Amino acid sequence: MFFLIAGIKPKTKVIDKTPRPCPACGLPQAWLKRTDHYLSIFFIPLFPVKRGEPFLACANCERLQHERQPQQAGYNRTMVRCRECGRDMEKEFSFCPYCGRPR
């Protein structure tokens, strides 16, 4: 008796290792990536089946944006960024609600 385990498996690749500015948060922590699908046999990806569209993935705010979408005009101006942890907080906050440091 012979068993064959096969299927299609997605694999995300970094296309360009140069960080780009994120259209959402403005920090240069977005990388150009692409998700390709491979034919896998016994959990080993062997042949590419489908090539994905490139997209920007930000390591800071974890947002994804397709390369073909128009760039957004920046992040929300009622928010400010904490100097310590880099997360967004309301402009009227004196202390960061995430790390507790003063603004």
N, C-alpha and C. Protein backbone atom coordinates (compact mmCIF):
# COMPACT_ATOMS: atom_id res chain seq x y z
N MET A 1 0.82 -1.16 0.00
CA MET A 1 0.00 0.00 0.00
C MET A 1 0.88 1.24 0.00
N PHE A 2 0.48 2.27 -0.76
CA PHE A 2 1.27 3.50 -0.90
C PHE A 2 0.38 4.71 -0.63
N PHE A 3 0.84 5.61 0.21
CA PHE A 3 0.10 6.83 0.50
C PHE A 3 0.86 8.03 -0.06
N LEU A 4 0.11 8.94 -0.63
CA LEU A 4 0.70 10.16 -1.17
C LEU A 4 -0.01 11.35 -0.52
N ILE A 5 0.78 12.19 0.11
CA ILE A 5 0.22 13.39 0.74
C ILE A 5 0.68 14.57 -0.09
N ALA A 6 -0.29 15.25 -0.72
CA ALA A 6 0.03 16.38 -1.59
C ALA A 6 -1.00 17.48 -1.39
N GLY A 7 -0.62 18.70 -1.77
CA GLY A 7 -1.54 19.83 -1.66
C GLY A 7 -0.88 21.11 -2.12
N ILE A 8 -1.63 22.18 -2.04
CA ILE A 8 -1.14 23.51 -2.41
C ILE A 8 -0.86 24.27 -1.11
N LYS A 9 0.33 24.85 -1.02
CA LYS A 9 0.75 25.52 0.21
C LYS A 9 1.21 26.94 -0.12
N PRO A 10 0.70 27.97 0.61
CA PRO A 10 1.17 29.34 0.37
C PRO A 10 2.52 29.58 1.06
N LYS A 11 3.33 30.42 0.43
CA LYS A 11 4.62 30.77 0.98
C LYS A 11 4.87 32.25 0.71
N THR A 12 5.13 33.04 1.76
CA THR A 12 5.35 34.47 1.61
C THR A 12 6.85 34.74 1.48
N LYS A 13 7.19 35.53 0.45
CA LYS A 13 8.58 35.88 0.19
C LYS A 13 8.76 37.38 0.28
N VAL A 14 9.92 37.81 0.75
CA VAL A 14 10.28 39.22 0.72
C VAL A 14 10.92 39.49 -0.64
N ILE A 15 10.31 40.39 -1.41
CA ILE A 15 10.81 40.69 -2.75
C ILE A 15 11.95 41.70 -2.69
N ASP A 16 11.76 42.76 -1.92
CA ASP A 16 12.77 43.81 -1.81
C ASP A 16 13.11 43.98 -0.34
N LYS A 17 14.38 43.83 0.01
CA LYS A 17 14.80 43.89 1.42
C LYS A 17 15.06 45.32 1.90
N THR A 18 14.81 46.29 1.04
CA THR A 18 14.95 47.69 1.43
C THR A 18 13.66 48.16 2.10
N PRO A 19 13.73 48.64 3.35
CA PRO A 19 12.50 49.11 4.00
C PRO A 19 11.97 50.37 3.33
N ARG A 20 10.65 50.45 3.22
CA ARG A 20 9.97 51.60 2.63
C ARG A 20 9.11 52.26 3.68
N PRO A 21 8.78 53.54 3.50
CA PRO A 21 7.88 54.18 4.46
C PRO A 21 6.47 53.60 4.36
N CYS A 22 5.90 53.30 5.50
CA CYS A 22 4.54 52.75 5.54
C CYS A 22 3.55 53.85 5.23
N PRO A 23 2.57 53.60 4.33
CA PRO A 23 1.58 54.62 4.03
C PRO A 23 0.63 54.90 5.19
N ALA A 24 0.52 54.00 6.15
CA ALA A 24 -0.40 54.19 7.27
C ALA A 24 0.26 54.91 8.44
N CYS A 25 1.43 54.44 8.90
CA CYS A 25 2.05 55.02 10.08
C CYS A 25 3.22 55.94 9.76
N GLY A 26 3.76 55.87 8.57
CA GLY A 26 4.83 56.77 8.16
C GLY A 26 6.24 56.31 8.50
N LEU A 27 6.40 55.24 9.28
CA LEU A 27 7.73 54.75 9.63
C LEU A 27 8.32 53.90 8.51
N PRO A 28 9.62 53.92 8.32
CA PRO A 28 10.24 53.10 7.26
C PRO A 28 10.40 51.65 7.69
N GLN A 29 9.29 50.97 7.94
CA GLN A 29 9.31 49.58 8.37
C GLN A 29 8.39 48.70 7.53
N ALA A 30 8.15 49.10 6.27
CA ALA A 30 7.30 48.31 5.38
C ALA A 30 8.18 47.66 4.32
N TRP A 31 7.97 46.38 4.10
CA TRP A 31 8.73 45.64 3.11
C TRP A 31 7.81 45.15 2.01
N LEU A 32 8.34 45.09 0.80
CA LEU A 32 7.58 44.59 -0.34
C LEU A 32 7.65 43.07 -0.33
N LYS A 33 6.47 42.43 -0.24
CA LYS A 33 6.39 40.97 -0.14
C LYS A 33 5.43 40.43 -1.20
N ARG A 34 5.43 39.11 -1.36
CA ARG A 34 4.53 38.44 -2.29
C ARG A 34 4.24 37.05 -1.74
N THR A 35 2.99 36.60 -1.86
CA THR A 35 2.60 35.26 -1.42
C THR A 35 2.41 34.38 -2.65
N ASP A 36 3.29 33.38 -2.79
CA ASP A 36 3.22 32.42 -3.89
C ASP A 36 2.65 31.11 -3.37
N HIS A 37 1.99 30.36 -4.26
CA HIS A 37 1.43 29.05 -3.90
C HIS A 37 2.25 27.96 -4.58
N TYR A 38 2.61 26.95 -3.80
CA TYR A 38 3.45 25.85 -4.30
C TYR A 38 2.73 24.52 -4.16
N LEU A 39 3.00 23.62 -5.10
CA LEU A 39 2.54 22.24 -4.99
C LEU A 39 3.49 21.53 -4.03
N SER A 40 2.92 20.99 -2.95
CA SER A 40 3.72 20.32 -1.93
C SER A 40 3.42 18.83 -1.94
N ILE A 41 4.46 18.05 -1.85
CA ILE A 41 4.34 16.60 -1.72
C ILE A 41 5.08 16.21 -0.45
N PHE A 42 4.37 15.56 0.45
CA PHE A 42 4.88 15.20 1.77
C PHE A 42 5.40 16.44 2.50
N PHE A 43 4.64 17.54 2.42
CA PHE A 43 4.89 18.80 3.11
C PHE A 43 6.16 19.52 2.64
N ILE A 44 6.67 19.17 1.48
CA ILE A 44 7.83 19.84 0.90
C ILE A 44 7.37 20.60 -0.33
N PRO A 45 7.51 21.96 -0.34
CA PRO A 45 7.10 22.73 -1.52
C PRO A 45 8.04 22.44 -2.69
N LEU A 46 7.45 21.98 -3.82
CA LEU A 46 8.27 21.58 -4.96
C LEU A 46 8.15 22.52 -6.16
N PHE A 47 6.92 22.77 -6.62
CA PHE A 47 6.72 23.53 -7.85
C PHE A 47 5.81 24.73 -7.59
N PRO A 48 6.19 25.90 -8.12
CA PRO A 48 5.28 27.05 -7.99
C PRO A 48 4.07 26.86 -8.89
N VAL A 49 2.88 27.10 -8.32
CA VAL A 49 1.63 26.93 -9.05
C VAL A 49 1.04 28.29 -9.41
N LYS A 50 1.04 29.20 -8.46
CA LYS A 50 0.45 30.52 -8.67
C LYS A 50 1.33 31.58 -8.04
N ARG A 51 1.60 32.63 -8.79
CA ARG A 51 2.40 33.74 -8.30
C ARG A 51 1.47 34.84 -7.79
N GLY A 52 1.71 35.31 -6.59
CA GLY A 52 0.84 36.31 -5.97
C GLY A 52 1.19 37.72 -6.39
N GLU A 53 0.32 38.65 -6.02
CA GLU A 53 0.53 40.08 -6.29
C GLU A 53 1.42 40.67 -5.19
N PRO A 54 2.30 41.60 -5.54
CA PRO A 54 3.13 42.24 -4.50
C PRO A 54 2.29 43.14 -3.59
N PHE A 55 2.70 43.20 -2.32
CA PHE A 55 2.03 44.05 -1.34
C PHE A 55 3.06 44.56 -0.34
N LEU A 56 2.73 45.66 0.33
CA LEU A 56 3.57 46.21 1.38
C LEU A 56 3.06 45.70 2.72
N ALA A 57 3.96 45.20 3.55
CA ALA A 57 3.62 44.73 4.89
C ALA A 57 4.46 45.50 5.90
N CYS A 58 3.80 46.21 6.79
CA CYS A 58 4.48 47.02 7.80
C CYS A 58 4.74 46.19 9.05
N ALA A 59 5.97 46.22 9.54
CA ALA A 59 6.32 45.49 10.76
C ALA A 59 5.85 46.24 12.00
N ASN A 60 5.65 47.55 11.91
CA ASN A 60 5.24 48.34 13.06
C ASN A 60 3.73 48.25 13.31
N CYS A 61 2.94 48.67 12.33
CA CYS A 61 1.48 48.71 12.53
C CYS A 61 0.78 47.46 11.98
N GLU A 62 1.52 46.57 11.35
CA GLU A 62 1.03 45.28 10.83
C GLU A 62 -0.07 45.44 9.78
N ARG A 63 -0.05 46.53 9.04
CA ARG A 63 -1.05 46.74 7.98
C ARG A 63 -0.49 46.27 6.66
N LEU A 64 -1.39 45.82 5.81
CA LEU A 64 -1.03 45.37 4.47
C LEU A 64 -1.65 46.32 3.46
N GLN A 65 -0.92 46.60 2.39
CA GLN A 65 -1.45 47.44 1.33
C GLN A 65 -0.94 46.89 0.01
N HIS A 66 -1.87 46.67 -0.92
CA HIS A 66 -1.47 46.18 -2.23
C HIS A 66 -0.69 47.25 -2.96
N GLU A 67 0.22 46.84 -3.79
CA GLU A 67 1.10 47.75 -4.52
C GLU A 67 0.30 48.62 -5.50
N ARG A 68 -0.80 48.13 -6.02
CA ARG A 68 -1.58 48.86 -7.02
C ARG A 68 -2.53 49.88 -6.42
N GLN A 69 -2.78 49.81 -5.11
CA GLN A 69 -3.70 50.76 -4.48
C GLN A 69 -3.03 52.12 -4.38
N PRO A 70 -3.80 53.20 -4.48
CA PRO A 70 -3.21 54.52 -4.33
C PRO A 70 -2.71 54.72 -2.90
N GLN A 71 -1.67 55.51 -2.75
CA GLN A 71 -1.10 55.78 -1.45
C GLN A 71 -2.05 56.64 -0.64
N GLN A 72 -2.15 56.35 0.64
CA GLN A 72 -2.99 57.14 1.52
C GLN A 72 -2.24 58.41 1.89
N ALA A 73 -2.97 59.42 2.30
CA ALA A 73 -2.38 60.72 2.59
C ALA A 73 -1.68 60.77 3.94
N GLY A 74 -1.41 59.66 4.57
CA GLY A 74 -0.74 59.63 5.87
C GLY A 74 -1.67 59.10 6.94
N TYR A 75 -1.19 59.12 8.16
CA TYR A 75 -1.99 58.59 9.24
C TYR A 75 -2.89 59.68 9.81
N ASN A 76 -3.75 59.28 10.70
CA ASN A 76 -4.74 60.18 11.28
C ASN A 76 -4.04 61.28 12.08
N ARG A 77 -4.33 62.54 11.79
CA ARG A 77 -3.65 63.68 12.41
C ARG A 77 -4.12 63.94 13.84
N THR A 78 -5.18 63.30 14.30
CA THR A 78 -5.61 63.46 15.69
C THR A 78 -4.81 62.52 16.59
N MET A 79 -3.99 61.69 16.02
CA MET A 79 -3.18 60.75 16.77
C MET A 79 -1.73 61.20 16.74
N VAL A 80 -0.98 60.88 17.79
CA VAL A 80 0.46 61.12 17.84
C VAL A 80 1.14 59.79 18.13
N ARG A 81 2.41 59.72 17.84
CA ARG A 81 3.18 58.49 18.02
C ARG A 81 4.03 58.60 19.28
N CYS A 82 4.01 57.56 20.10
CA CYS A 82 4.83 57.50 21.30
C CYS A 82 6.30 57.38 20.90
N ARG A 83 7.16 58.14 21.56
CA ARG A 83 8.59 58.09 21.23
C ARG A 83 9.27 56.83 21.73
N GLU A 84 8.68 56.19 22.73
CA GLU A 84 9.29 54.99 23.31
C GLU A 84 8.89 53.71 22.58
N CYS A 85 7.57 53.46 22.49
CA CYS A 85 7.11 52.18 21.90
C CYS A 85 6.67 52.32 20.45
N GLY A 86 6.43 53.56 19.97
CA GLY A 86 6.09 53.77 18.56
C GLY A 86 4.63 53.54 18.22
N ARG A 87 3.76 53.34 19.19
CA ARG A 87 2.34 53.10 18.91
C ARG A 87 1.57 54.41 18.91
N ASP A 88 0.42 54.40 18.22
CA ASP A 88 -0.42 55.59 18.13
C ASP A 88 -1.22 55.78 19.40
N MET A 89 -1.37 57.05 19.80
CA MET A 89 -2.20 57.40 20.94
C MET A 89 -2.89 58.72 20.64
N GLU A 90 -3.93 59.01 21.40
CA GLU A 90 -4.68 60.26 21.22
C GLU A 90 -3.79 61.46 21.52
N LYS A 91 -4.03 62.55 20.82
CA LYS A 91 -3.21 63.74 20.95
C LYS A 91 -3.28 64.35 22.36
N GLU A 92 -4.43 64.23 23.03
CA GLU A 92 -4.59 64.85 24.34
C GLU A 92 -4.03 64.00 25.49
N PHE A 93 -3.54 62.78 25.22
CA PHE A 93 -2.95 61.95 26.27
C PHE A 93 -1.60 62.52 26.69
N SER A 94 -1.34 62.54 27.99
CA SER A 94 -0.04 62.97 28.50
C SER A 94 0.92 61.79 28.62
N PHE A 95 0.35 60.59 28.83
CA PHE A 95 1.14 59.39 28.96
C PHE A 95 0.67 58.35 27.95
N CYS A 96 1.58 57.52 27.49
CA CYS A 96 1.23 56.46 26.53
C CYS A 96 0.42 55.39 27.24
N PRO A 97 -0.75 54.98 26.71
CA PRO A 97 -1.55 53.93 27.36
C PRO A 97 -0.95 52.54 27.19
N TYR A 98 0.06 52.39 26.34
CA TYR A 98 0.66 51.07 26.09
C TYR A 98 1.91 50.83 26.94
N CYS A 99 2.81 51.83 27.00
CA CYS A 99 4.05 51.62 27.75
C CYS A 99 4.12 52.46 29.02
N GLY A 100 3.24 53.48 29.17
CA GLY A 100 3.18 54.28 30.37
C GLY A 100 4.18 55.43 30.42
N ARG A 101 4.95 55.61 29.38
CA ARG A 101 5.94 56.69 29.36
C ARG A 101 5.28 58.03 29.06
N PRO A 102 5.85 59.14 29.58
CA PRO A 102 5.28 60.45 29.26
C PRO A 102 5.48 60.78 27.79
N ARG A 103 4.54 61.53 27.25
CA ARG A 103 4.60 61.91 25.85
C ARG A 103 5.65 62.90 25.65
